[in-house]
Amino acid sequence: MSEPNLPLPTPAQQATFTRDGVVCLRNVLAPGEIEHLRQAVARQMDDLRASPTGYDFEVLARQVWDNDRPIDTGAAERFDMERMKALVRADKRARPLLEEGSSGPEGMFFYDVAAWKHDRGVREVAFDSALPGIVSSLLDARYLNFWEDTTFVKAPHTRQKTAFHQDLAYFQIEGEQCVIVWIPLDQADLENGVTQYVRGSHLWGQTFAPNVFVSQTPISTSPEIRCPDIEAAPELYDIVSFDVEPGDVIIHDVRTVHGAGGNRSDTWRRAVSFRYCGDRIRYRDRPGAIPQAGVAHDLRDGDRLFSADYPVVWPKPWPGFRLAEAFDIQNPTKGEA
C-alpha cells in the first residue's frame, strides 16, 4: 500500500541499502517537518538538568576519566553512571575518544530520548511524514511499528566522539527487520560529526554488545562479544559517510556498525534518529539492552510489538489519514508541545 506521491526508494537505492546496510535519501522531509524537530530539540536541551533522560556526554566523559571528579547528571536517571564509570575504569582496553585540540566553552554532546511521548511535532514527523512508507518499502514490511526517537546534538568544538557500535543489542527486540533513520537538522559532514558507517557490516553475521558511547567498553550484562576497535585502525574497514542537508535522511540497518567524530567546526550539529520495526520483529527482553523510558507494556519474549508503546505507523487505514492527530484524540494529555 502506498499514498499518492509518496517518494518510495528507487530500485538502485533499495539495492544500495541491501548491499551496504545504509543508504542516504535526499529531500525526504519538508522544511516544516524539520522545524518541528528543531523546536522539540530546543525544548529538550532547555530541560537538560531537570530531565530524567537527558545527558551531556561531553561532561560525563570528563567525569568518567577523572577519578577525583564526582558523577553529576542532574535529574537524569536512565543510566547508572557510577556503575558505568567503574566499568570503564576497569577496562584495560578503554581510552578517551576525543578529537585533537581542546573543547570550546560551548562544547556539548547532548543526548535524550522519547520526545514523541510528549511532543506533537515529533509525532507528526515520525508517524505522518514520508518516512514510514519509505521504511516499509525498504524493509518489505507488511506493517511497521515505531520504536523510539533519540536526540544527538554536538555543539561547536565538541571533542567527544561517539564510539563505533551496533544498535541491535541496545533494543529489546529479536530479528533483523529494523532500521534507524538519522535526520540532520543542520548541514552535517565529517568536520562537524556526521555519522560514519562500516559498509556491509550488517552481513557479518555477528551481534555486538552495546557499549557506553564515550568508550568502546561493552556493557557487562550483555552476553554478546565486544565490537571491534574500529577507531584504532579505521583503514581496515570500508567506512562511508554522507554530506547531508536538512531534509535529507540516512537510513541504516539495525546491524550496521557506525560511529561519529566530534564536532571540530564552528557550527552546531543537531540530529534526531527514529527507530522503526517491521512485522517480523518480535519482543525480547535482551540481556544488556538499555531500559526504555516510560514504557508500560507487559509484552513477553516472542510477542509482536502490539502495544501503545510501539504505535503501528504503516500502513495507514486510508490515504491522507493523520495518525498523530488520532493519537492525540486518544491520548489528549500527550499533545501539549
C-alpha atoms as a PDB file:
ATOM      1  CA  MET A   1       0.000   0.000   0.000  1.00  0.00           C
ATOM      2  CA  SER A   2       1.289   3.475  -0.808  1.00  0.00           C
ATOM      3  CA  GLU A   3      -0.075   7.004  -0.693  1.00  0.00           C
ATOM      4  CA  PRO A   4      -0.170   9.222  -3.768  1.00  0.00           C
ATOM      5  CA  ASN A   5       3.144  10.968  -4.487  1.00  0.00           C
ATOM      6  CA  LEU A   6       4.979   9.031  -1.772  1.00  0.00           C
ATOM      7  CA  PRO A   7       8.730   9.204  -2.592  1.00  0.00           C
ATOM      8  CA  LEU A   8       9.460   5.491  -2.414  1.00  0.00           C
ATOM      9  CA  PRO A   9      13.084   4.307  -2.706  1.00  0.00           C
ATOM     10  CA  THR A  10      14.249   3.615  -6.234  1.00  0.00           C
ATOM     11  CA  PRO A  11      15.468   0.122  -7.163  1.00  0.00           C
ATOM     12  CA  ALA A  12      19.045   1.451  -7.034  1.00  0.00           C
ATOM     13  CA  GLN A  13      18.546   2.857  -3.534  1.00  0.00           C
ATOM     14  CA  GLN A  14      16.961  -0.411  -2.409  1.00  0.00           C
ATOM     15  CA  ALA A  15      19.932  -2.327  -3.803  1.00  0.00           C
ATOM     16  CA  THR A  16      22.368   0.002  -2.018  1.00  0.00           C
ATOM     17  CA  PHE A  17      20.598  -0.497   1.291  1.00  0.00           C
ATOM     18  CA  THR A  18      20.566  -4.274   0.870  1.00  0.00           C
ATOM     19  CA  ARG A  19      24.252  -4.404  -0.083  1.00  0.00           C
ATOM     20  CA  ASP A  20      25.737  -1.724   2.210  1.00  0.00           C
ATOM     21  CA  GLY A  21      23.343  -1.713   5.167  1.00  0.00           C
ATOM     22  CA  VAL A  22      22.965   2.058   4.794  1.00  0.00           C
ATOM     23  CA  VAL A  23      21.508   4.473   2.246  1.00  0.00           C
ATOM     24  CA  CYS A  24      21.229   8.258   2.058  1.00  0.00           C
ATOM     25  CA  LEU A  25      17.994   9.688   0.644  1.00  0.00           C
ATOM     26  CA  ARG A  26      17.765  13.340  -0.383  1.00  0.00           C
ATOM     27  CA  ASN A  27      14.958  15.864   0.217  1.00  0.00           C
ATOM     28  CA  VAL A  28      12.694  13.469   2.082  1.00  0.00           C
ATOM     29  CA  LEU A  29      11.419  15.814   4.804  1.00  0.00           C
ATOM     30  CA  ALA A  30       9.802  19.213   4.297  1.00  0.00           C
ATOM     31  CA  PRO A  31      11.103  22.418   5.957  1.00  0.00           C
ATOM     32  CA  GLY A  32       8.115  22.487   8.293  1.00  0.00           C
ATOM     33  CA  GLU A  33       8.861  18.955   9.467  1.00  0.00           C
ATOM     34  CA  ILE A  34      12.487  19.865  10.150  1.00  0.00           C
ATOM     35  CA  GLU A  35      11.292  22.890  12.122  1.00  0.00           C
ATOM     36  CA  HIS A  36       9.040  20.647  14.264  1.00  0.00           C
ATOM     37  CA  LEU A  37      12.119  18.604  15.197  1.00  0.00           C
ATOM     38  CA  ARG A  38      14.300  21.652  15.844  1.00  0.00           C
ATOM     39  CA  GLN A  39      11.728  23.060  18.233  1.00  0.00           C
ATOM     40  CA  ALA A  40      11.465  19.730  20.035  1.00  0.00           C
ATOM     41  CA  VAL A  41      15.255  19.515  20.408  1.00  0.00           C
ATOM     42  CA  ALA A  42      15.381  23.068  21.767  1.00  0.00           C
ATOM     43  CA  ARG A  43      12.815  22.150  24.414  1.00  0.00           C
ATOM     44  CA  GLN A  44      14.765  19.037  25.370  1.00  0.00           C
ATOM     45  CA  MET A  45      18.006  20.991  25.709  1.00  0.00           C
ATOM     46  CA  ASP A  46      16.333  23.699  27.795  1.00  0.00           C
ATOM     47  CA  ASP A  47      15.188  20.946  30.159  1.00  0.00           C
ATOM     48  CA  LEU A  48      18.585  19.221  30.433  1.00  0.00           C
ATOM     49  CA  ARG A  49      19.236  19.497  34.175  1.00  0.00           C
ATOM     50  CA  ALA A  50      15.643  18.618  35.071  1.00  0.00           C
ATOM     51  CA  SER A  51      15.175  15.758  32.603  1.00  0.00           C
ATOM     52  CA  PRO A  52      15.241  12.127  33.787  1.00  0.00           C
ATOM     53  CA  THR A  53      16.567  11.051  30.386  1.00  0.00           C
ATOM     54  CA  GLY A  54      18.790  13.916  29.168  1.00  0.00           C
ATOM     55  CA  TYR A  55      22.605  13.817  29.388  1.00  0.00           C
ATOM     56  CA  ASP A  56      25.621  15.817  28.283  1.00  0.00           C
ATOM     57  CA  PHE A  57      28.067  13.069  27.312  1.00  0.00           C
ATOM     58  CA  GLU A  58      30.887  15.589  26.869  1.00  0.00           C
ATOM     59  CA  VAL A  59      30.705  16.473  30.574  1.00  0.00           C
ATOM     60  CA  LEU A  60      30.008  12.889  31.536  1.00  0.00           C
ATOM     61  CA  ALA A  61      33.120  11.643  29.737  1.00  0.00           C
ATOM     62  CA  ARG A  62      35.280  14.063  31.721  1.00  0.00           C
ATOM     63  CA  GLN A  63      33.692  12.770  34.921  1.00  0.00           C
ATOM     64  CA  VAL A  64      34.320   9.175  33.862  1.00  0.00           C
ATOM     65  CA  TRP A  65      38.003   9.661  33.079  1.00  0.00           C
ATOM     66  CA  ASP A  66      38.800  11.792  36.155  1.00  0.00           C
ATOM     67  CA  ASN A  67      38.909   9.589  39.243  1.00  0.00           C
ATOM     68  CA  ASP A  68      38.605  12.593  41.528  1.00  0.00           C
ATOM     69  CA  ARG A  69      35.600  14.063  39.763  1.00  0.00           C
ATOM     70  CA  PRO A  70      32.152  13.013  41.011  1.00  0.00           C
ATOM     71  CA  ILE A  71      29.396  11.922  38.664  1.00  0.00           C
ATOM     72  CA  ASP A  72      26.730  14.609  38.316  1.00  0.00           C
ATOM     73  CA  THR A  73      23.928  14.068  35.805  1.00  0.00           C
ATOM     74  CA  GLY A  74      21.310  16.386  37.300  1.00  0.00           C
ATOM     75  CA  ALA A  75      17.935  14.653  37.394  1.00  0.00           C
ATOM     76  CA  ALA A  76      18.879  12.079  34.739  1.00  0.00           C
ATOM     77  CA  GLU A  77      18.420   8.517  35.964  1.00  0.00           C
ATOM     78  CA  ARG A  78      18.137   6.336  32.881  1.00  0.00           C
ATOM     79  CA  PHE A  79      21.713   5.059  33.279  1.00  0.00           C
ATOM     80  CA  ASP A  80      23.631   4.033  36.391  1.00  0.00           C
ATOM     81  CA  MET A  81      26.539   6.351  35.682  1.00  0.00           C
ATOM     82  CA  GLU A  82      28.553   5.430  38.777  1.00  0.00           C
ATOM     83  CA  ARG A  83      28.494   1.820  37.609  1.00  0.00           C
ATOM     84  CA  MET A  84      29.374   2.911  34.089  1.00  0.00           C
ATOM     85  CA  LYS A  85      32.373   4.856  35.384  1.00  0.00           C
ATOM     86  CA  ALA A  86      33.601   1.827  37.325  1.00  0.00           C
ATOM     87  CA  LEU A  87      33.111  -0.354  34.254  1.00  0.00           C
ATOM     88  CA  VAL A  88      35.146   1.954  32.022  1.00  0.00           C
ATOM     89  CA  ARG A  89      37.884   2.462  34.579  1.00  0.00           C
ATOM     90  CA  ALA A  90      38.261  -1.320  34.958  1.00  0.00           C
ATOM     91  CA  ASP A  91      38.506  -1.860  31.197  1.00  0.00           C
ATOM     92  CA  LYS A  92      42.199  -2.064  30.286  1.00  0.00           C
ATOM     93  CA  ARG A  93      41.373  -1.569  26.599  1.00  0.00           C
ATOM     94  CA  ALA A  94      39.359   1.598  27.161  1.00  0.00           C
ATOM     95  CA  ARG A  95      40.663   5.058  26.364  1.00  0.00           C
ATOM     96  CA  PRO A  96      39.168   8.512  25.874  1.00  0.00           C
ATOM     97  CA  LEU A  97      37.714   9.024  22.383  1.00  0.00           C
ATOM     98  CA  LEU A  98      38.483  12.658  21.706  1.00  0.00           C
ATOM     99  CA  GLU A  99      39.293  14.825  18.734  1.00  0.00           C
ATOM    100  CA  GLU A 100      42.640  16.595  18.859  1.00  0.00           C
ATOM    101  CA  GLY A 101      42.721  20.058  20.437  1.00  0.00           C
ATOM    102  CA  SER A 102      40.647  21.499  23.241  1.00  0.00           C
ATOM    103  CA  SER A 103      36.927  21.870  23.769  1.00  0.00           C
ATOM    104  CA  GLY A 104      35.403  25.289  23.364  1.00  0.00           C
ATOM    105  CA  PRO A 105      33.405  26.749  26.243  1.00  0.00           C
ATOM    106  CA  GLU A 106      30.213  25.771  24.443  1.00  0.00           C
ATOM    107  CA  GLY A 107      31.271  22.143  23.887  1.00  0.00           C
ATOM    108  CA  MET A 108      28.399  19.706  24.483  1.00  0.00           C
ATOM    109  CA  PHE A 109      27.329  16.228  23.398  1.00  0.00           C
ATOM    110  CA  PHE A 110      23.629  16.268  24.235  1.00  0.00           C
ATOM    111  CA  TYR A 111      21.556  13.084  24.346  1.00  0.00           C
ATOM    112  CA  ASP A 112      17.876  12.499  25.106  1.00  0.00           C
ATOM    113  CA  VAL A 113      15.120  10.064  24.137  1.00  0.00           C
ATOM    114  CA  ALA A 114      11.386   9.572  23.711  1.00  0.00           C
ATOM    115  CA  ALA A 115      10.345  13.095  22.734  1.00  0.00           C
ATOM    116  CA  TRP A 116       7.484  11.509  20.785  1.00  0.00           C
ATOM    117  CA  LYS A 117       5.699  10.737  24.045  1.00  0.00           C
ATOM    118  CA  HIS A 118       5.174  14.414  24.874  1.00  0.00           C
ATOM    119  CA  ASP A 119       5.811  16.376  21.672  1.00  0.00           C
ATOM    120  CA  ARG A 120       3.127  16.598  18.977  1.00  0.00           C
ATOM    121  CA  GLY A 121       5.578  17.840  16.351  1.00  0.00           C
ATOM    122  CA  VAL A 122       7.827  14.809  16.746  1.00  0.00           C
ATOM    123  CA  ARG A 123       4.823  12.515  16.424  1.00  0.00           C
ATOM    124  CA  GLU A 124       3.753  14.256  13.230  1.00  0.00           C
ATOM    125  CA  VAL A 125       7.145  13.630  11.632  1.00  0.00           C
ATOM    126  CA  ALA A 126       7.573  10.107  12.995  1.00  0.00           C
ATOM    127  CA  PHE A 127       4.035   8.976  12.176  1.00  0.00           C
ATOM    128  CA  ASP A 128       2.796  11.086   9.249  1.00  0.00           C
ATOM    129  CA  SER A 129       5.808  12.145   7.147  1.00  0.00           C
ATOM    130  CA  ALA A 130       7.064  10.177   4.161  1.00  0.00           C
ATOM    131  CA  LEU A 131       9.321   8.133   6.452  1.00  0.00           C
ATOM    132  CA  PRO A 132       7.010   5.236   7.438  1.00  0.00           C
ATOM    133  CA  GLY A 133       6.168   4.498   3.815  1.00  0.00           C
ATOM    134  CA  ILE A 134       9.814   4.701   2.750  1.00  0.00           C
ATOM    135  CA  VAL A 135      10.977   2.432   5.566  1.00  0.00           C
ATOM    136  CA  SER A 136       8.179  -0.057   4.953  1.00  0.00           C
ATOM    137  CA  SER A 137       9.309  -0.303   1.337  1.00  0.00           C
ATOM    138  CA  LEU A 138      12.987  -0.734   2.264  1.00  0.00           C
ATOM    139  CA  LEU A 139      12.125  -3.489   4.740  1.00  0.00           C
ATOM    140  CA  ASP A 140       9.393  -5.100   2.635  1.00  0.00           C
ATOM    141  CA  ALA A 141       7.274  -4.884   5.787  1.00  0.00           C
ATOM    142  CA  ARG A 142       3.569  -5.682   5.897  1.00  0.00           C
ATOM    143  CA  TYR A 143       3.260  -3.259   8.815  1.00  0.00           C
ATOM    144  CA  LEU A 144       5.598  -1.005  10.756  1.00  0.00           C
ATOM    145  CA  ASN A 145       5.915  -0.179  14.459  1.00  0.00           C
ATOM    146  CA  PHE A 146       7.566   2.994  15.722  1.00  0.00           C
ATOM    147  CA  TRP A 147      10.063   2.017  18.436  1.00  0.00           C
ATOM    148  CA  GLU A 148      11.603   5.243  19.800  1.00  0.00           C
ATOM    149  CA  ASP A 149      13.304   8.520  18.933  1.00  0.00           C
ATOM    150  CA  THR A 150      16.695   9.722  20.132  1.00  0.00           C
ATOM    151  CA  THR A 151      18.277  13.181  20.029  1.00  0.00           C
ATOM    152  CA  PHE A 152      22.016  13.691  19.449  1.00  0.00           C
ATOM    153  CA  VAL A 153      23.474  17.210  19.477  1.00  0.00           C
ATOM    154  CA  LYS A 154      27.153  18.138  19.197  1.00  0.00           C
ATOM    155  CA  ALA A 155      27.875  21.796  19.833  1.00  0.00           C
ATOM    156  CA  PRO A 156      30.742  23.584  18.058  1.00  0.00           C
ATOM    157  CA  HIS A 157      34.195  22.494  19.240  1.00  0.00           C
ATOM    158  CA  THR A 158      32.976  19.346  20.987  1.00  0.00           C
ATOM    159  CA  ARG A 159      35.833  16.853  21.184  1.00  0.00           C
ATOM    160  CA  GLN A 160      33.867  13.801  22.301  1.00  0.00           C
ATOM    161  CA  LYS A 161      33.466  11.133  19.638  1.00  0.00           C
ATOM    162  CA  THR A 162      30.717   8.520  19.521  1.00  0.00           C
ATOM    163  CA  ALA A 163      32.277   5.068  19.795  1.00  0.00           C
ATOM    164  CA  PHE A 164      31.557   2.720  16.902  1.00  0.00           C
ATOM    165  CA  HIS A 165      28.742   0.368  17.869  1.00  0.00           C
ATOM    166  CA  GLN A 166      25.882  -1.753  16.546  1.00  0.00           C
ATOM    167  CA  ASP A 167      22.324  -0.910  17.592  1.00  0.00           C
ATOM    168  CA  LEU A 168      20.689  -4.344  17.723  1.00  0.00           C
ATOM    169  CA  ALA A 169      21.718  -5.358  21.244  1.00  0.00           C
ATOM    170  CA  TYR A 170      20.634  -1.984  22.682  1.00  0.00           C
ATOM    171  CA  PHE A 171      16.992  -2.791  21.834  1.00  0.00           C
ATOM    172  CA  GLN A 172      14.585  -5.282  23.381  1.00  0.00           C
ATOM    173  CA  ILE A 173      13.929  -6.969  20.060  1.00  0.00           C
ATOM    174  CA  GLU A 174      14.641 -10.173  18.191  1.00  0.00           C
ATOM    175  CA  GLY A 175      15.052 -10.108  14.426  1.00  0.00           C
ATOM    176  CA  GLU A 176      16.736  -8.054  11.750  1.00  0.00           C
ATOM    177  CA  GLN A 177      13.810  -6.149  10.179  1.00  0.00           C
ATOM    178  CA  CYS A 178      14.582  -2.870  11.924  1.00  0.00           C
ATOM    179  CA  VAL A 179      16.145   0.389  10.780  1.00  0.00           C
ATOM    180  CA  ILE A 180      17.355   3.644  12.260  1.00  0.00           C
ATOM    181  CA  VAL A 181      16.626   6.870  10.378  1.00  0.00           C
ATOM    182  CA  TRP A 182      19.229   9.574  11.108  1.00  0.00           C
ATOM    183  CA  ILE A 183      17.765  13.023  10.476  1.00  0.00           C
ATOM    184  CA  PRO A 184      20.151  16.006  10.318  1.00  0.00           C
ATOM    185  CA  LEU A 185      18.686  19.317  11.490  1.00  0.00           C
ATOM    186  CA  ASP A 186      21.774  21.212  10.326  1.00  0.00           C
ATOM    187  CA  GLN A 187      24.229  20.734   7.476  1.00  0.00           C
ATOM    188  CA  ALA A 188      26.449  17.824   8.526  1.00  0.00           C
ATOM    189  CA  ASP A 189      29.744  16.416   7.267  1.00  0.00           C
ATOM    190  CA  LEU A 190      32.875  14.861   8.723  1.00  0.00           C
ATOM    191  CA  GLU A 191      34.031  18.220  10.079  1.00  0.00           C
ATOM    192  CA  ASN A 192      31.090  18.581  12.446  1.00  0.00           C
ATOM    193  CA  GLY A 193      30.447  14.943  13.241  1.00  0.00           C
ATOM    194  CA  VAL A 194      28.172  13.297  10.699  1.00  0.00           C
ATOM    195  CA  THR A 195      27.613   9.593  11.401  1.00  0.00           C
ATOM    196  CA  GLN A 196      30.002   7.147   9.711  1.00  0.00           C
ATOM    197  CA  TYR A 197      29.056   3.585   8.752  1.00  0.00           C
ATOM    198  CA  VAL A 198      31.032   0.393   8.191  1.00  0.00           C
ATOM    199  CA  ARG A 199      29.677  -0.629   4.827  1.00  0.00           C
ATOM    200  CA  GLY A 200      28.474  -4.238   4.689  1.00  0.00           C
ATOM    201  CA  SER A 201      28.852  -4.835   8.446  1.00  0.00           C
ATOM    202  CA  HIS A 202      25.179  -5.841   8.661  1.00  0.00           C
ATOM    203  CA  LEU A 203      26.204  -9.020   6.802  1.00  0.00           C
ATOM    204  CA  TRP A 204      28.966 -10.030   9.216  1.00  0.00           C
ATOM    205  CA  GLY A 205      26.597 -12.454  10.973  1.00  0.00           C
ATOM    206  CA  GLN A 206      27.557 -11.108  14.392  1.00  0.00           C
ATOM    207  CA  THR A 207      25.721  -9.307  17.186  1.00  0.00           C
ATOM    208  CA  PHE A 208      27.937  -6.997  19.240  1.00  0.00           C
ATOM    209  CA  ALA A 209      27.477  -5.970  22.857  1.00  0.00           C
ATOM    210  CA  PRO A 210      26.266  -2.426  23.479  1.00  0.00           C
ATOM    211  CA  ASN A 211      28.973  -0.017  24.566  1.00  0.00           C
ATOM    212  CA  VAL A 212      28.759   3.128  26.661  1.00  0.00           C
ATOM    213  CA  PHE A 213      29.165   5.586  23.722  1.00  0.00           C
ATOM    214  CA  VAL A 214      32.038   7.552  25.337  1.00  0.00           C
ATOM    215  CA  SER A 215      34.219   4.429  25.309  1.00  0.00           C
ATOM    216  CA  GLN A 216      34.344   1.115  23.451  1.00  0.00           C
ATOM    217  CA  THR A 217      33.747  -0.583  26.820  1.00  0.00           C
ATOM    218  CA  PRO A 218      30.911  -3.109  26.434  1.00  0.00           C
ATOM    219  CA  ILE A 219      28.032  -3.244  28.879  1.00  0.00           C
ATOM    220  CA  SER A 220      28.924  -6.132  31.161  1.00  0.00           C
ATOM    221  CA  THR A 221      25.424  -7.634  31.352  1.00  0.00           C
ATOM    222  CA  SER A 222      25.363  -8.322  27.619  1.00  0.00           C
ATOM    223  CA  PRO A 223      26.373 -11.849  26.552  1.00  0.00           C
ATOM    224  CA  GLU A 224      27.472 -10.618  23.117  1.00  0.00           C
ATOM    225  CA  ILE A 225      31.085 -10.077  22.069  1.00  0.00           C
ATOM    226  CA  ARG A 226      32.856  -6.723  22.065  1.00  0.00           C
ATOM    227  CA  CYS A 227      32.577  -4.549  18.957  1.00  0.00           C
ATOM    228  CA  PRO A 228      35.878  -4.298  17.057  1.00  0.00           C
ATOM    229  CA  ASP A 229      38.066  -1.304  17.937  1.00  0.00           C
ATOM    230  CA  ILE A 230      37.437   0.461  14.653  1.00  0.00           C
ATOM    231  CA  GLU A 231      38.813   3.780  15.917  1.00  0.00           C
ATOM    232  CA  ALA A 232      42.242   2.169  16.361  1.00  0.00           C
ATOM    233  CA  ALA A 233      42.554   1.120  12.697  1.00  0.00           C
ATOM    234  CA  PRO A 234      39.839   2.711  10.548  1.00  0.00           C
ATOM    235  CA  GLU A 235      41.825   1.965   7.387  1.00  0.00           C
ATOM    236  CA  LEU A 236      40.986  -1.716   7.817  1.00  0.00           C
ATOM    237  CA  TYR A 237      37.271  -1.067   7.337  1.00  0.00           C
ATOM    238  CA  ASP A 238      35.124   0.177   4.479  1.00  0.00           C
ATOM    239  CA  ILE A 239      33.800   3.299   6.185  1.00  0.00           C
ATOM    240  CA  VAL A 240      31.343   5.548   4.376  1.00  0.00           C
ATOM    241  CA  SER A 241      29.767   8.878   5.307  1.00  0.00           C
ATOM    242  CA  PHE A 242      27.471  11.351   3.592  1.00  0.00           C
ATOM    243  CA  ASP A 243      27.453  15.142   3.463  1.00  0.00           C
ATOM    244  CA  VAL A 244      23.835  15.985   4.240  1.00  0.00           C
ATOM    245  CA  GLU A 245      21.486  18.936   4.479  1.00  0.00           C
ATOM    246  CA  PRO A 246      18.259  19.344   6.478  1.00  0.00           C
ATOM    247  CA  GLY A 247      15.599  17.358   4.646  1.00  0.00           C
ATOM    248  CA  ASP A 248      17.978  14.517   3.788  1.00  0.00           C
ATOM    249  CA  VAL A 249      17.918  11.298   5.828  1.00  0.00           C
ATOM    250  CA  ILE A 250      20.358   8.434   6.318  1.00  0.00           C
ATOM    251  CA  ILE A 251      18.778   5.023   6.953  1.00  0.00           C
ATOM    252  CA  HIS A 252      20.806   2.126   8.329  1.00  0.00           C
ATOM    253  CA  ASP A 253      20.113  -1.499   9.179  1.00  0.00           C
ATOM    254  CA  VAL A 254      19.969  -2.252  12.903  1.00  0.00           C
ATOM    255  CA  ARG A 255      23.043  -4.493  12.446  1.00  0.00           C
ATOM    256  CA  THR A 256      25.203  -1.893  10.673  1.00  0.00           C
ATOM    257  CA  VAL A 257      28.191  -0.782  12.752  1.00  0.00           C
ATOM    258  CA  HIS A 258      28.526   3.002  12.986  1.00  0.00           C
ATOM    259  CA  GLY A 259      30.064   5.825  14.988  1.00  0.00           C
ATOM    260  CA  ALA A 260      30.848   9.526  14.728  1.00  0.00           C
ATOM    261  CA  GLY A 261      33.616  12.012  15.303  1.00  0.00           C
ATOM    262  CA  GLY A 262      33.409  15.110  17.449  1.00  0.00           C
ATOM    263  CA  ASN A 263      32.426  18.494  16.122  1.00  0.00           C
ATOM    264  CA  ARG A 264      35.567  20.353  15.051  1.00  0.00           C
ATOM    265  CA  SER A 265      33.625  23.120  13.336  1.00  0.00           C
ATOM    266  CA  ASP A 266      32.089  26.448  14.343  1.00  0.00           C
ATOM    267  CA  THR A 267      28.561  25.213  13.589  1.00  0.00           C
ATOM    268  CA  TRP A 268      26.077  23.082  15.511  1.00  0.00           C
ATOM    269  CA  ARG A 269      25.290  19.509  14.554  1.00  0.00           C
ATOM    270  CA  ARG A 270      21.781  18.678  15.694  1.00  0.00           C
ATOM    271  CA  ALA A 271      20.214  15.359  14.725  1.00  0.00           C
ATOM    272  CA  VAL A 272      17.282  13.164  15.645  1.00  0.00           C
ATOM    273  CA  SER A 273      17.002   9.443  14.956  1.00  0.00           C
ATOM    274  CA  PHE A 274      13.814   7.412  14.562  1.00  0.00           C
ATOM    275  CA  ARG A 275      13.706   3.638  15.004  1.00  0.00           C
ATOM    276  CA  TYR A 276      11.156   1.547  13.093  1.00  0.00           C
ATOM    277  CA  CYS A 277      10.475  -2.209  13.314  1.00  0.00           C
ATOM    278  CA  GLY A 278       8.832  -4.391  10.661  1.00  0.00           C
ATOM    279  CA  ASP A 279       6.299  -7.191  11.082  1.00  0.00           C
ATOM    280  CA  ARG A 280       8.948  -9.911  11.525  1.00  0.00           C
ATOM    281  CA  ILE A 281      10.424  -8.279  14.651  1.00  0.00           C
ATOM    282  CA  ARG A 282       9.484  -9.816  17.986  1.00  0.00           C
ATOM    283  CA  TYR A 283       9.907  -8.531  21.510  1.00  0.00           C
ATOM    284  CA  ARG A 284      12.820  -9.915  23.514  1.00  0.00           C
ATOM    285  CA  ASP A 285      13.935  -8.747  26.945  1.00  0.00           C
ATOM    286  CA  ARG A 286      17.521  -8.944  25.798  1.00  0.00           C
ATOM    287  CA  PRO A 287      20.263  -9.064  28.491  1.00  0.00           C
ATOM    288  CA  GLY A 288      22.267  -5.847  28.372  1.00  0.00           C
ATOM    289  CA  ALA A 289      19.665  -3.861  26.403  1.00  0.00           C
ATOM    290  CA  ILE A 290      19.176  -0.249  27.512  1.00  0.00           C
ATOM    291  CA  PRO A 291      15.979   0.173  29.583  1.00  0.00           C
ATOM    292  CA  GLN A 292      13.417   2.171  27.638  1.00  0.00           C
ATOM    293  CA  ALA A 293      11.976   5.377  29.024  1.00  0.00           C
ATOM    294  CA  GLY A 294       8.355   5.382  30.127  1.00  0.00           C
ATOM    295  CA  VAL A 295       7.150   2.091  28.659  1.00  0.00           C
ATOM    296  CA  ALA A 296       4.149   0.453  30.313  1.00  0.00           C
ATOM    297  CA  HIS A 297       3.602  -2.694  28.234  1.00  0.00           C
ATOM    298  CA  ASP A 298       3.530  -6.278  29.508  1.00  0.00           C
ATOM    299  CA  LEU A 299       4.991  -7.884  26.379  1.00  0.00           C
ATOM    300  CA  ARG A 300       6.757 -11.221  26.716  1.00  0.00           C
ATOM    301  CA  ASP A 301       9.580 -12.681  24.685  1.00  0.00           C
ATOM    302  CA  GLY A 302       8.311 -13.698  21.262  1.00  0.00           C
ATOM    303  CA  ASP A 303       5.346 -11.291  21.234  1.00  0.00           C
ATOM    304  CA  ARG A 304       4.637  -8.993  18.327  1.00  0.00           C
ATOM    305  CA  LEU A 305       5.111  -5.326  19.190  1.00  0.00           C
ATOM    306  CA  PHE A 306       1.398  -4.695  19.640  1.00  0.00           C
ATOM    307  CA  SER A 307       1.387  -2.077  22.378  1.00  0.00           C
ATOM    308  CA  ALA A 308       0.601   1.621  22.778  1.00  0.00           C
ATOM    309  CA  ASP A 309       4.330   1.998  23.424  1.00  0.00           C
ATOM    310  CA  TYR A 310       5.045   0.943  19.811  1.00  0.00           C
ATOM    311  CA  PRO A 311       2.357   2.502  17.580  1.00  0.00           C
ATOM    312  CA  VAL A 312       1.671   0.911  14.208  1.00  0.00           C
ATOM    313  CA  VAL A 313       2.525   3.732  11.795  1.00  0.00           C
ATOM    314  CA  TRP A 314       2.154   1.860   8.486  1.00  0.00           C
ATOM    315  CA  PRO A 315       0.026   1.114   6.577  1.00  0.00           C
ATOM    316  CA  LYS A 316      -2.462   3.931   7.014  1.00  0.00           C
ATOM    317  CA  PRO A 317      -6.141   2.926   7.112  1.00  0.00           C
ATOM    318  CA  TRP A 318      -6.758   5.287   4.164  1.00  0.00           C
ATOM    319  CA  PRO A 319      -4.653   7.758   2.149  1.00  0.00           C
ATOM    320  CA  GLY A 320      -4.209  11.067   3.950  1.00  0.00           C
ATOM    321  CA  PHE A 321      -5.006   9.650   7.400  1.00  0.00           C
ATOM    322  CA  ARG A 322      -3.135  11.608  10.110  1.00  0.00           C
ATOM    323  CA  LEU A 323      -2.035   9.208  12.829  1.00  0.00           C
ATOM    324  CA  ALA A 324      -0.603  11.899  15.126  1.00  0.00           C
ATOM    325  CA  GLU A 325      -3.995  13.602  15.245  1.00  0.00           C
ATOM    326  CA  ALA A 326      -5.762  10.328  16.042  1.00  0.00           C
ATOM    327  CA  PHE A 327      -3.155   9.557  18.699  1.00  0.00           C
ATOM    328  CA  ASP A 328      -3.766  12.914  20.380  1.00  0.00           C
ATOM    329  CA  ILE A 329      -7.532  12.389  20.381  1.00  0.00           C
ATOM    330  CA  GLN A 330      -6.975   9.040  22.103  1.00  0.00           C
ATOM    331  CA  ASN A 331      -4.320  10.467  24.465  1.00  0.00           C
ATOM    332  CA  PRO A 332      -5.272  14.154  24.998  1.00  0.00           C
ATOM    333  CA  THR A 333      -2.633  14.820  27.677  1.00  0.00           C
ATOM    334  CA  LYS A 334       0.171  13.958  25.219  1.00  0.00           C
ATOM    335  CA  GLY A 335      -0.493  16.730  22.737  1.00  0.00           C
ATOM    336  CA  GLU A 336       0.778  19.783  24.613  1.00  0.00           C
ATOM    337  CA  ALA A 337       4.080  20.623  22.916  1.00  0.00           C
END
